[in-house]
Amino acid sequence: MQTILTDFYTLESYEKAENGSFTAHIHLNKDHTIFKGHFPGNPVTPGVCMMQIVKELTEEFTGSKLFLKTASNVKFMAIINPFETPDLKLQLDITENEEDVKVKNTTSFGETIALKMSVSYKK
């Protein structure tokens, strides 16, 4: 899997459901340099990084190189501190045709939902 977020996270495991949705378990690297600047003494996972992780996982699961077309209903609902909650669960409901891939994502840690969004990618 090619990633622009080098050493930012590790895909620990994933399952594919019968309906085609995926549940991925990732582990954030709390020592990544991004967290030194975002924010010093109070590390917060940047939202754009979470959006990139969803894209990279979708590319992995579909086997397609994707380009973001639209993002809607993007809601950051909780701060993801990589020292306190490095283990995340991402639910990806993926539908695709010849030209596009649509994803509904919910990212959580424990019982807390951290991110919800719907995105559309162009193949």
Foldseek 3Di string as FASTA:
>chain_A
DDAPCPQQKDFPDKDADPLGKMKTKMFGDLPDPVQCVCPNVFGFDDPVVVVRVLQVVVCVSVVDNWDWDDKPPKDFDDTDRNVVFRIKMKIWDWDDDPFKIKTWIWIDGDPGTGITIITMITD
